[in-house]
Amino acid sequence: MDELVRFIAKSLVDDPDAVQVETKQDGEYTVIELHVAPGDMGKVIGKKGRIAKAIRTVVKAASVKDNGKYSVEIV
């Protein structure tokens, strides 16, 4: 799942080498932390958080296949 988030983020930003994805377990949820360059933060979040919401929606749809619960945090 972290590869999916990494692929989406690298497609959006100007500096794809700065994209880092970390996976942590938090109870029943798997938290995916997305780190990008400070200048690319707006591109990942989008206006009113629309792109961030879309990333979370894609992860939620893909998680049905894994039977897991995922949460995406943009750090």
N, C-alpha and C. Protein backbone atom coordinates (compact mmCIF):
# COMPACT_ATOMS: atom_id res chain seq x y z
N MET A 1 0.82 -1.19 0.00
CA MET A 1 0.00 0.00 0.00
C MET A 1 0.87 1.26 0.00
N ASP A 2 2.02 1.16 0.67
CA ASP A 2 2.90 2.32 0.70
C ASP A 2 3.48 2.62 -0.69
N GLU A 3 3.63 1.60 -1.51
CA GLU A 3 4.11 1.81 -2.88
C GLU A 3 3.08 2.61 -3.70
N LEU A 4 1.81 2.36 -3.45
CA LEU A 4 0.74 3.11 -4.13
C LEU A 4 0.81 4.58 -3.75
N VAL A 5 0.94 4.87 -2.47
CA VAL A 5 1.02 6.25 -2.00
C VAL A 5 2.28 6.92 -2.55
N ARG A 6 3.39 6.19 -2.56
CA ARG A 6 4.65 6.73 -3.09
C ARG A 6 4.51 7.08 -4.58
N PHE A 7 3.87 6.21 -5.34
CA PHE A 7 3.69 6.44 -6.78
C PHE A 7 2.82 7.67 -7.03
N ILE A 8 1.73 7.80 -6.29
CA ILE A 8 0.83 8.94 -6.46
C ILE A 8 1.55 10.24 -6.10
N ALA A 9 2.26 10.22 -4.97
CA ALA A 9 2.95 11.43 -4.52
C ALA A 9 4.05 11.85 -5.49
N LYS A 10 4.82 10.90 -5.98
CA LYS A 10 5.90 11.23 -6.91
C LYS A 10 5.35 11.79 -8.22
N SER A 11 4.14 11.40 -8.58
CA SER A 11 3.52 11.92 -9.79
C SER A 11 3.07 13.37 -9.63
N LEU A 12 2.83 13.79 -8.40
CA LEU A 12 2.29 15.12 -8.14
C LEU A 12 3.35 16.19 -7.89
N VAL A 13 4.47 15.83 -7.32
CA VAL A 13 5.44 16.82 -6.83
C VAL A 13 6.50 17.18 -7.86
N ASP A 14 7.19 18.30 -7.59
CA ASP A 14 8.30 18.73 -8.45
C ASP A 14 9.60 18.02 -8.10
N ASP A 15 9.74 17.62 -6.83
CA ASP A 15 10.97 16.97 -6.36
C ASP A 15 10.64 15.54 -5.91
N PRO A 16 10.54 14.59 -6.85
CA PRO A 16 10.15 13.22 -6.48
C PRO A 16 11.18 12.50 -5.61
N ASP A 17 12.44 12.96 -5.61
CA ASP A 17 13.45 12.32 -4.78
C ASP A 17 13.24 12.58 -3.29
N ALA A 18 12.50 13.63 -2.96
CA ALA A 18 12.26 13.99 -1.55
C ALA A 18 11.07 13.25 -0.95
N VAL A 19 10.36 12.49 -1.75
CA VAL A 19 9.18 11.77 -1.26
C VAL A 19 9.63 10.57 -0.43
N GLN A 20 9.12 10.50 0.80
CA GLN A 20 9.40 9.37 1.68
C GLN A 20 8.09 8.88 2.27
N VAL A 21 7.94 7.57 2.33
CA VAL A 21 6.72 6.97 2.87
C VAL A 21 7.13 6.01 3.99
N GLU A 22 6.53 6.19 5.16
CA GLU A 22 6.79 5.30 6.29
C GLU A 22 5.48 4.64 6.70
N THR A 23 5.57 3.39 7.09
CA THR A 23 4.39 2.64 7.53
C THR A 23 4.56 2.29 8.99
N LYS A 24 3.53 2.61 9.78
CA LYS A 24 3.54 2.31 11.21
C LYS A 24 2.23 1.64 11.60
N GLN A 25 2.30 0.80 12.59
CA GLN A 25 1.11 0.11 13.09
C GLN A 25 0.58 0.87 14.29
N ASP A 26 -0.71 1.19 14.29
CA ASP A 26 -1.34 1.91 15.39
C ASP A 26 -2.65 1.21 15.73
N GLY A 27 -2.53 0.22 16.60
CA GLY A 27 -3.72 -0.56 16.95
C GLY A 27 -4.17 -1.39 15.76
N GLU A 28 -5.41 -1.24 15.36
CA GLU A 28 -5.92 -1.99 14.22
C GLU A 28 -5.67 -1.29 12.89
N TYR A 29 -5.19 -0.05 12.95
CA TYR A 29 -4.91 0.71 11.75
C TYR A 29 -3.44 0.65 11.38
N THR A 30 -3.17 0.68 10.09
CA THR A 30 -1.82 0.86 9.57
C THR A 30 -1.73 2.30 9.10
N VAL A 31 -0.85 3.07 9.71
CA VAL A 31 -0.71 4.48 9.38
C VAL A 31 0.39 4.63 8.35
N ILE A 32 0.07 5.27 7.24
CA ILE A 32 1.04 5.55 6.19
C ILE A 32 1.37 7.04 6.28
N GLU A 33 2.61 7.34 6.62
CA GLU A 33 3.05 8.73 6.73
C GLU A 33 3.77 9.13 5.45
N LEU A 34 3.32 10.22 4.86
CA LEU A 34 3.88 10.72 3.61
C LEU A 34 4.67 11.99 3.91
N HIS A 35 5.95 11.98 3.57
CA HIS A 35 6.83 13.13 3.75
C HIS A 35 7.21 13.65 2.37
N VAL A 36 7.04 14.95 2.14
CA VAL A 36 7.44 15.57 0.88
C VAL A 36 8.23 16.84 1.20
N ALA A 37 8.86 17.41 0.19
CA ALA A 37 9.60 18.66 0.36
C ALA A 37 8.62 19.77 0.76
N PRO A 38 9.08 20.73 1.57
CA PRO A 38 8.18 21.80 2.00
C PRO A 38 7.54 22.57 0.85
N GLY A 39 8.24 22.74 -0.24
CA GLY A 39 7.69 23.45 -1.39
C GLY A 39 6.61 22.67 -2.13
N ASP A 40 6.59 21.36 -1.94
CA ASP A 40 5.61 20.52 -2.62
C ASP A 40 4.40 20.18 -1.74
N MET A 41 4.39 20.68 -0.53
CA MET A 41 3.30 20.36 0.38
C MET A 41 1.94 20.78 -0.17
N GLY A 42 1.88 21.95 -0.77
CA GLY A 42 0.63 22.44 -1.33
C GLY A 42 0.13 21.59 -2.49
N LYS A 43 1.04 21.02 -3.24
CA LYS A 43 0.64 20.18 -4.37
C LYS A 43 0.06 18.86 -3.91
N VAL A 44 0.51 18.37 -2.78
CA VAL A 44 0.02 17.10 -2.26
C VAL A 44 -1.31 17.30 -1.52
N ILE A 45 -1.44 18.43 -0.86
CA ILE A 45 -2.68 18.69 -0.12
C ILE A 45 -3.77 19.21 -1.05
N GLY A 46 -3.44 20.14 -1.93
CA GLY A 46 -4.42 20.67 -2.87
C GLY A 46 -5.30 21.74 -2.24
N LYS A 47 -6.12 22.35 -3.07
CA LYS A 47 -7.04 23.37 -2.57
C LYS A 47 -8.10 22.73 -1.69
N LYS A 48 -8.21 23.27 -0.49
CA LYS A 48 -9.18 22.78 0.50
C LYS A 48 -9.00 21.29 0.80
N GLY A 49 -7.79 20.77 0.57
CA GLY A 49 -7.50 19.38 0.90
C GLY A 49 -8.07 18.35 -0.05
N ARG A 50 -8.42 18.77 -1.24
CA ARG A 50 -9.07 17.86 -2.18
C ARG A 50 -8.15 16.74 -2.66
N ILE A 51 -6.90 17.06 -2.93
CA ILE A 51 -5.98 16.02 -3.41
C ILE A 51 -5.66 15.05 -2.28
N ALA A 52 -5.47 15.57 -1.07
CA ALA A 52 -5.21 14.69 0.07
C ALA A 52 -6.40 13.76 0.30
N LYS A 53 -7.58 14.28 0.16
CA LYS A 53 -8.79 13.47 0.32
C LYS A 53 -8.87 12.41 -0.77
N ALA A 54 -8.48 12.76 -1.99
CA ALA A 54 -8.49 11.81 -3.09
C ALA A 54 -7.48 10.69 -2.87
N ILE A 55 -6.31 11.03 -2.33
CA ILE A 55 -5.30 10.01 -2.03
C ILE A 55 -5.85 9.04 -0.99
N ARG A 56 -6.49 9.59 0.05
CA ARG A 56 -7.07 8.74 1.09
C ARG A 56 -8.18 7.85 0.54
N THR A 57 -8.96 8.38 -0.40
CA THR A 57 -10.03 7.59 -1.01
C THR A 57 -9.48 6.43 -1.83
N VAL A 58 -8.41 6.68 -2.58
CA VAL A 58 -7.78 5.63 -3.37
C VAL A 58 -7.21 4.54 -2.46
N VAL A 59 -6.57 4.95 -1.37
CA VAL A 59 -6.01 3.98 -0.43
C VAL A 59 -7.13 3.17 0.22
N LYS A 60 -8.22 3.82 0.56
CA LYS A 60 -9.35 3.12 1.17
C LYS A 60 -9.94 2.10 0.19
N ALA A 61 -10.05 2.47 -1.07
CA ALA A 61 -10.58 1.55 -2.08
C ALA A 61 -9.63 0.37 -2.29
N ALA A 62 -8.34 0.63 -2.28
CA ALA A 62 -7.36 -0.45 -2.47
C ALA A 62 -7.26 -1.33 -1.24
N SER A 63 -7.59 -0.81 -0.07
CA SER A 63 -7.48 -1.60 1.15
C SER A 63 -8.57 -2.65 1.26
N VAL A 64 -9.62 -2.52 0.49
CA VAL A 64 -10.68 -3.54 0.50
C VAL A 64 -10.11 -4.88 0.05
N LYS A 65 -9.19 -4.83 -0.88
CA LYS A 65 -8.56 -6.03 -1.40
C LYS A 65 -7.70 -6.72 -0.33
N ASP A 66 -7.05 -5.91 0.54
CA ASP A 66 -6.16 -6.44 1.58
C ASP A 66 -6.89 -6.78 2.87
N ASN A 67 -8.14 -6.35 2.99
CA ASN A 67 -8.90 -6.50 4.25
C ASN A 67 -8.20 -5.81 5.40
N GLY A 68 -7.54 -4.70 5.13
CA GLY A 68 -6.84 -3.95 6.17
C GLY A 68 -7.45 -2.57 6.33
N LYS A 69 -7.08 -1.91 7.41
CA LYS A 69 -7.53 -0.55 7.65
C LYS A 69 -6.31 0.35 7.61
N TYR A 70 -6.34 1.32 6.71
CA TYR A 70 -5.20 2.19 6.49
C TYR A 70 -5.61 3.64 6.74
N SER A 71 -4.65 4.42 7.20
CA SER A 71 -4.82 5.84 7.40
C SER A 71 -3.63 6.54 6.78
N VAL A 72 -3.87 7.59 6.01
CA VAL A 72 -2.78 8.32 5.35
C VAL A 72 -2.63 9.67 6.05
N GLU A 73 -1.41 9.96 6.50
CA GLU A 73 -1.09 11.23 7.13
C GLU A 73 0.00 11.91 6.32
N ILE A 74 -0.21 13.17 6.03
CA ILE A 74 0.79 13.95 5.29
C ILE A 74 1.54 14.77 6.32
N VAL A 75 2.84 14.48 6.44
CA VAL A 75 3.66 15.10 7.49
C VAL A 75 4.57 16.14 6.85
